[in-house]
Amino acid sequence: MLEFVLDFTLLDFTLFDCALLDSSIYYLLIGSQYEPFKKQTIL
């Protein structure tokens, strides 16, 4: 179930990234709940 959440979050982030140029707030939201995912997003 955790994998599903991560996959859905990745998809959601992609949509947000395409829609919003300034996704700093979204970065912070992800960082608060998903530390490992934040590092992967930065790369």
C-alpha atoms as a PDB file:
ATOM      1  CA  MET A   1       0.000   0.000   0.000  1.00  0.00           C
ATOM      2  CA  LEU A   2       2.932   2.302   0.669  1.00  0.00           C
ATOM      3  CA  GLU A   3       4.214   1.751  -2.869  1.00  0.00           C
ATOM      4  CA  PHE A   4       0.843   2.798  -4.266  1.00  0.00           C
ATOM      5  CA  VAL A   5       0.980   6.010  -2.229  1.00  0.00           C
ATOM      6  CA  LEU A   6       4.482   6.798  -3.507  1.00  0.00           C
ATOM      7  CA  ASP A   7       3.480   6.110  -7.116  1.00  0.00           C
ATOM      8  CA  PHE A   8       0.386   8.307  -6.786  1.00  0.00           C
ATOM      9  CA  THR A   9       2.490  11.033  -5.172  1.00  0.00           C
ATOM     10  CA  LEU A  10       5.000  10.871  -8.025  1.00  0.00           C
ATOM     11  CA  LEU A  11       2.209  11.256 -10.565  1.00  0.00           C
ATOM     12  CA  ASP A  12       0.657  14.073  -8.559  1.00  0.00           C
ATOM     13  CA  PHE A  13       4.017  15.837  -8.319  1.00  0.00           C
ATOM     14  CA  THR A  14       4.526  15.550 -12.076  1.00  0.00           C
ATOM     15  CA  LEU A  15       1.179  17.219 -12.710  1.00  0.00           C
ATOM     16  CA  PHE A  16       1.944  19.966 -10.225  1.00  0.00           C
ATOM     17  CA  ASP A  17       5.439  20.469 -11.639  1.00  0.00           C
ATOM     18  CA  CYS A  18       4.037  20.881 -15.145  1.00  0.00           C
ATOM     19  CA  ALA A  19       1.302  23.226 -13.977  1.00  0.00           C
ATOM     20  CA  LEU A  20       3.294  25.320 -11.496  1.00  0.00           C
ATOM     21  CA  LEU A  21       6.760  26.696 -12.160  1.00  0.00           C
ATOM     22  CA  ASP A  22       7.246  27.633  -8.512  1.00  0.00           C
ATOM     23  CA  SER A  23       6.735  24.307  -6.727  1.00  0.00           C
ATOM     24  CA  SER A  24       8.766  25.252  -3.671  1.00  0.00           C
ATOM     25  CA  ILE A  25       5.727  24.914  -1.409  1.00  0.00           C
ATOM     26  CA  TYR A  26       4.980  21.471  -2.851  1.00  0.00           C
ATOM     27  CA  TYR A  27       8.609  20.495  -2.251  1.00  0.00           C
ATOM     28  CA  LEU A  28       8.176  21.415   1.409  1.00  0.00           C
ATOM     29  CA  LEU A  29       4.922  19.445   1.663  1.00  0.00           C
ATOM     30  CA  ILE A  30       6.590  16.363   0.197  1.00  0.00           C
ATOM     31  CA  GLY A  31       9.657  16.823   2.392  1.00  0.00           C
ATOM     32  CA  SER A  32       7.525  16.889   5.529  1.00  0.00           C
ATOM     33  CA  GLN A  33       5.908  13.508   4.826  1.00  0.00           C
ATOM     34  CA  TYR A  34       8.320  11.773   2.448  1.00  0.00           C
ATOM     35  CA  GLU A  35      11.983  12.461   3.232  1.00  0.00           C
ATOM     36  CA  PRO A  36      13.417   9.861   0.805  1.00  0.00           C
ATOM     37  CA  PHE A  37      11.040  10.978  -1.938  1.00  0.00           C
ATOM     38  CA  LYS A  38      12.261  14.576  -1.550  1.00  0.00           C
ATOM     39  CA  LYS A  39      15.847  13.564  -2.286  1.00  0.00           C
ATOM     40  CA  GLN A  40      14.737  11.642  -5.365  1.00  0.00           C
ATOM     41  CA  THR A  41      12.733  14.649  -6.545  1.00  0.00           C
ATOM     42  CA  ILE A  42      15.733  16.984  -6.219  1.00  0.00           C
ATOM     43  CA  LEU A  43      17.776  14.675  -8.440  1.00  0.00           C
END
